Amino acid sequence: MAHKDYKEAVALAYGQRPTPVVSAKGQADLAHSIIAEAQRHGVYVAQDPALLALLSRLEIDQEIPPELYTAVAVVLSWAYWLKGMSPGDEKRG
């Protein structure tokens, strides 16, 4: 997730994990790199400053806390819809 200027970015990994975790985060040039890498791999990039502020407090490899489940689920459901996937498809790979 990043602001349009990519001043800050937080990447989440889900896939085979039971709960999404922070897989990368950074500011300035590192944020640009995170976004560019995500786009290269066709990963959905959400722009949600409020969620970004909360996720940026987490450490790399830290699971998202239960209080963020709903907000992250909204972003994930949008990403699934954009890719024509259903929840759980990523776990069948």
N, C-alpha and C. Protein backbone atom coordinates (compact mmCIF):
# COMPACT_ATOMS: atom_id res chain seq x y z
N MET A 1 0.83 -1.16 0.00
CA MET A 1 0.00 0.00 0.00
C MET A 1 0.88 1.22 0.00
N ALA A 2 0.50 2.18 -0.77
CA ALA A 2 1.35 3.35 -0.85
C ALA A 2 0.55 4.57 -1.24
N HIS A 3 1.04 5.69 -0.84
CA HIS A 3 0.48 6.96 -1.28
C HIS A 3 0.92 7.16 -2.72
N LYS A 4 0.19 7.95 -3.47
CA LYS A 4 0.47 8.14 -4.89
C LYS A 4 1.92 8.52 -5.15
N ASP A 5 2.53 9.32 -4.26
CA ASP A 5 3.93 9.74 -4.43
C ASP A 5 4.90 8.67 -3.95
N TYR A 6 4.38 7.60 -3.41
CA TYR A 6 5.20 6.50 -2.90
C TYR A 6 6.22 6.96 -1.88
N LYS A 7 5.81 7.82 -0.96
CA LYS A 7 6.70 8.26 0.10
C LYS A 7 6.89 7.15 1.13
N GLU A 8 5.92 6.25 1.18
CA GLU A 8 6.01 5.13 2.11
C GLU A 8 5.23 3.97 1.51
N ALA A 9 5.70 2.75 1.76
CA ALA A 9 5.03 1.56 1.24
C ALA A 9 5.15 0.43 2.25
N VAL A 10 4.11 -0.39 2.30
CA VAL A 10 4.11 -1.61 3.11
C VAL A 10 3.57 -2.72 2.22
N ALA A 11 4.30 -3.81 2.15
CA ALA A 11 3.86 -4.97 1.37
C ALA A 11 3.41 -6.07 2.33
N LEU A 12 2.34 -6.75 1.92
CA LEU A 12 1.83 -7.87 2.70
C LEU A 12 2.00 -9.15 1.91
N ALA A 13 2.31 -10.23 2.62
CA ALA A 13 2.36 -11.56 2.02
C ALA A 13 1.26 -12.39 2.66
N TYR A 14 0.57 -13.17 1.85
CA TYR A 14 -0.52 -13.99 2.38
C TYR A 14 -0.32 -15.41 1.89
N GLY A 15 -0.71 -15.68 0.66
CA GLY A 15 -0.47 -16.98 0.04
C GLY A 15 -0.78 -18.15 0.94
N GLN A 16 0.22 -18.92 1.29
CA GLN A 16 0.06 -20.14 2.08
C GLN A 16 -0.04 -19.87 3.59
N ARG A 17 0.12 -18.64 3.99
CA ARG A 17 0.09 -18.30 5.42
C ARG A 17 -1.34 -18.22 5.93
N PRO A 18 -1.54 -18.51 7.22
CA PRO A 18 -2.89 -18.40 7.77
C PRO A 18 -3.34 -16.94 7.95
N THR A 19 -2.38 -16.05 8.15
CA THR A 19 -2.66 -14.63 8.36
C THR A 19 -1.65 -13.81 7.56
N PRO A 20 -2.08 -12.73 6.92
CA PRO A 20 -1.11 -11.89 6.20
C PRO A 20 -0.03 -11.35 7.13
N VAL A 21 1.18 -11.24 6.59
CA VAL A 21 2.30 -10.68 7.34
C VAL A 21 2.91 -9.54 6.52
N VAL A 22 3.60 -8.65 7.21
CA VAL A 22 4.33 -7.59 6.54
C VAL A 22 5.57 -8.21 5.91
N SER A 23 5.68 -8.11 4.60
CA SER A 23 6.81 -8.73 3.91
C SER A 23 7.88 -7.72 3.52
N ALA A 24 7.50 -6.44 3.45
CA ALA A 24 8.47 -5.39 3.14
C ALA A 24 7.85 -4.06 3.54
N LYS A 25 8.71 -3.12 3.87
CA LYS A 25 8.23 -1.77 4.14
C LYS A 25 9.38 -0.82 3.99
N GLY A 26 9.07 0.42 3.65
CA GLY A 26 10.13 1.40 3.50
C GLY A 26 9.58 2.75 3.10
N GLN A 27 10.49 3.71 3.07
CA GLN A 27 10.15 5.07 2.72
C GLN A 27 11.02 5.52 1.56
N ALA A 28 10.61 6.59 0.90
CA ALA A 28 11.36 7.25 -0.17
C ALA A 28 11.75 6.25 -1.27
N ASP A 29 13.06 6.13 -1.54
CA ASP A 29 13.52 5.26 -2.63
C ASP A 29 13.13 3.80 -2.43
N LEU A 30 13.18 3.34 -1.17
CA LEU A 30 12.80 1.95 -0.90
C LEU A 30 11.32 1.74 -1.20
N ALA A 31 10.48 2.73 -0.86
CA ALA A 31 9.05 2.65 -1.19
C ALA A 31 8.85 2.54 -2.70
N HIS A 32 9.59 3.34 -3.46
CA HIS A 32 9.50 3.27 -4.92
C HIS A 32 9.89 1.88 -5.41
N SER A 33 10.94 1.30 -4.83
CA SER A 33 11.39 -0.03 -5.23
C SER A 33 10.35 -1.09 -4.91
N ILE A 34 9.74 -1.00 -3.74
CA ILE A 34 8.71 -1.96 -3.34
C ILE A 34 7.54 -1.91 -4.32
N ILE A 35 7.09 -0.70 -4.64
CA ILE A 35 5.96 -0.53 -5.56
C ILE A 35 6.32 -1.04 -6.96
N ALA A 36 7.52 -0.68 -7.43
CA ALA A 36 7.95 -1.11 -8.76
C ALA A 36 8.01 -2.63 -8.85
N GLU A 37 8.54 -3.27 -7.81
CA GLU A 37 8.64 -4.74 -7.81
C GLU A 37 7.25 -5.36 -7.79
N ALA A 38 6.36 -4.81 -6.99
CA ALA A 38 4.99 -5.32 -6.95
C ALA A 38 4.33 -5.21 -8.32
N GLN A 39 4.47 -4.06 -8.95
CA GLN A 39 3.86 -3.86 -10.27
C GLN A 39 4.46 -4.79 -11.31
N ARG A 40 5.76 -5.04 -11.23
CA ARG A 40 6.42 -5.96 -12.16
C ARG A 40 5.82 -7.37 -12.07
N HIS A 41 5.39 -7.74 -10.87
CA HIS A 41 4.84 -9.08 -10.65
C HIS A 41 3.32 -9.11 -10.69
N GLY A 42 2.71 -8.01 -11.09
CA GLY A 42 1.26 -7.97 -11.20
C GLY A 42 0.53 -7.96 -9.87
N VAL A 43 1.22 -7.52 -8.83
CA VAL A 43 0.61 -7.46 -7.50
C VAL A 43 -0.21 -6.18 -7.39
N TYR A 44 -1.42 -6.31 -6.86
CA TYR A 44 -2.31 -5.17 -6.67
C TYR A 44 -1.69 -4.19 -5.67
N VAL A 45 -1.70 -2.91 -6.01
CA VAL A 45 -1.18 -1.85 -5.15
C VAL A 45 -2.35 -0.97 -4.73
N ALA A 46 -2.66 -1.00 -3.44
CA ALA A 46 -3.75 -0.18 -2.90
C ALA A 46 -3.17 1.12 -2.37
N GLN A 47 -3.96 2.17 -2.45
CA GLN A 47 -3.56 3.46 -1.90
C GLN A 47 -4.54 3.81 -0.79
N ASP A 48 -4.17 3.46 0.42
CA ASP A 48 -5.02 3.67 1.59
C ASP A 48 -4.16 4.25 2.71
N PRO A 49 -4.07 5.59 2.78
CA PRO A 49 -3.19 6.22 3.77
C PRO A 49 -3.46 5.81 5.22
N ALA A 50 -4.73 5.62 5.58
CA ALA A 50 -5.05 5.24 6.96
C ALA A 50 -4.53 3.84 7.27
N LEU A 51 -4.75 2.90 6.35
CA LEU A 51 -4.26 1.54 6.56
C LEU A 51 -2.74 1.51 6.51
N LEU A 52 -2.16 2.27 5.62
CA LEU A 52 -0.70 2.37 5.54
C LEU A 52 -0.12 2.82 6.88
N ALA A 53 -0.72 3.82 7.49
CA ALA A 53 -0.22 4.34 8.77
C ALA A 53 -0.24 3.24 9.84
N LEU A 54 -1.28 2.42 9.85
CA LEU A 54 -1.37 1.34 10.83
C LEU A 54 -0.39 0.22 10.53
N LEU A 55 -0.32 -0.19 9.25
CA LEU A 55 0.58 -1.28 8.87
C LEU A 55 2.05 -0.91 9.02
N SER A 56 2.37 0.35 8.84
CA SER A 56 3.78 0.76 8.92
C SER A 56 4.33 0.66 10.34
N ARG A 57 3.46 0.51 11.31
CA ARG A 57 3.91 0.33 12.71
C ARG A 57 4.37 -1.10 12.97
N LEU A 58 4.01 -2.02 12.08
CA LEU A 58 4.38 -3.42 12.26
C LEU A 58 5.80 -3.67 11.76
N GLU A 59 6.39 -4.75 12.25
CA GLU A 59 7.73 -5.14 11.84
C GLU A 59 7.66 -6.13 10.68
N ILE A 60 8.75 -6.26 9.94
CA ILE A 60 8.84 -7.24 8.87
C ILE A 60 8.61 -8.64 9.46
N ASP A 61 7.85 -9.46 8.77
CA ASP A 61 7.47 -10.83 9.16
C ASP A 61 6.46 -10.87 10.31
N GLN A 62 5.96 -9.72 10.75
CA GLN A 62 4.94 -9.70 11.80
C GLN A 62 3.56 -9.90 11.18
N GLU A 63 2.76 -10.77 11.78
CA GLU A 63 1.39 -10.97 11.33
C GLU A 63 0.57 -9.72 11.62
N ILE A 64 -0.40 -9.47 10.75
CA ILE A 64 -1.27 -8.34 11.04
C ILE A 64 -2.11 -8.69 12.28
N PRO A 65 -2.36 -7.70 13.13
CA PRO A 65 -3.14 -7.97 14.34
C PRO A 65 -4.63 -8.10 14.01
N PRO A 66 -5.37 -8.79 14.87
CA PRO A 66 -6.80 -8.99 14.62
C PRO A 66 -7.58 -7.71 14.35
N GLU A 67 -7.20 -6.60 14.95
CA GLU A 67 -7.94 -5.37 14.74
C GLU A 67 -7.80 -4.82 13.31
N LEU A 68 -6.85 -5.36 12.54
CA LEU A 68 -6.69 -4.94 11.15
C LEU A 68 -7.26 -5.96 10.15
N TYR A 69 -7.78 -7.07 10.64
CA TYR A 69 -8.31 -8.11 9.75
C TYR A 69 -9.34 -7.56 8.77
N THR A 70 -10.30 -6.79 9.27
CA THR A 70 -11.37 -6.31 8.40
C THR A 70 -10.82 -5.38 7.32
N ALA A 71 -9.97 -4.44 7.71
CA ALA A 71 -9.42 -3.49 6.74
C ALA A 71 -8.59 -4.20 5.68
N VAL A 72 -7.77 -5.15 6.09
CA VAL A 72 -6.95 -5.90 5.13
C VAL A 72 -7.83 -6.80 4.28
N ALA A 73 -8.87 -7.38 4.86
CA ALA A 73 -9.78 -8.24 4.09
C ALA A 73 -10.46 -7.46 2.97
N VAL A 74 -10.79 -6.20 3.22
CA VAL A 74 -11.40 -5.37 2.18
C VAL A 74 -10.43 -5.20 1.02
N VAL A 75 -9.17 -4.91 1.32
CA VAL A 75 -8.15 -4.74 0.28
C VAL A 75 -7.94 -6.05 -0.46
N LEU A 76 -7.85 -7.15 0.28
CA LEU A 76 -7.64 -8.46 -0.36
C LEU A 76 -8.82 -8.84 -1.24
N SER A 77 -10.04 -8.57 -0.79
CA SER A 77 -11.20 -8.93 -1.61
C SER A 77 -11.21 -8.13 -2.91
N TRP A 78 -10.79 -6.88 -2.86
CA TRP A 78 -10.69 -6.06 -4.06
C TRP A 78 -9.62 -6.65 -5.00
N ALA A 79 -8.49 -7.05 -4.42
CA ALA A 79 -7.41 -7.63 -5.24
C ALA A 79 -7.87 -8.94 -5.88
N TYR A 80 -8.58 -9.79 -5.12
CA TYR A 80 -9.11 -11.03 -5.68
C TYR A 80 -10.03 -10.72 -6.85
N TRP A 81 -10.94 -9.78 -6.64
CA TRP A 81 -11.90 -9.42 -7.68
C TRP A 81 -11.19 -8.95 -8.95
N LEU A 82 -10.17 -8.10 -8.78
CA LEU A 82 -9.44 -7.58 -9.94
C LEU A 82 -8.74 -8.69 -10.72
N LYS A 83 -8.29 -9.72 -10.02
CA LYS A 83 -7.57 -10.82 -10.68
C LYS A 83 -8.50 -11.96 -11.08
N GLY A 84 -9.79 -11.83 -10.80
CA GLY A 84 -10.74 -12.89 -11.14
C GLY A 84 -10.54 -14.14 -10.30
N MET A 85 -10.05 -13.96 -9.09
CA MET A 85 -9.80 -15.08 -8.19
C MET A 85 -10.86 -15.15 -7.10
N SER A 86 -10.91 -16.28 -6.44
CA SER A 86 -11.75 -16.46 -5.26
C SER A 86 -10.84 -16.68 -4.06
N PRO A 87 -11.26 -16.26 -2.87
CA PRO A 87 -10.44 -16.52 -1.69
C PRO A 87 -10.11 -18.00 -1.59
N GLY A 88 -8.88 -18.30 -1.30
CA GLY A 88 -8.41 -19.67 -1.21
C GLY A 88 -7.70 -20.15 -2.46
N ASP A 89 -7.91 -19.48 -3.60
CA ASP A 89 -7.24 -19.90 -4.84
C ASP A 89 -5.71 -19.90 -4.68
N GLU A 90 -5.19 -18.93 -3.93
CA GLU A 90 -3.73 -18.84 -3.77
C GLU A 90 -3.18 -20.00 -2.95
N LYS A 91 -4.01 -20.65 -2.15
CA LYS A 91 -3.57 -21.76 -1.32
C LYS A 91 -3.58 -23.09 -2.07
N ARG A 92 -4.19 -23.09 -3.24
CA ARG A 92 -4.29 -24.34 -4.02
C ARG A 92 -3.10 -24.55 -4.94
N GLY A 93 -2.17 -23.55 -4.97
CA GLY A 93 -1.04 -23.60 -5.89
C GLY A 93 -0.05 -24.59 -5.51
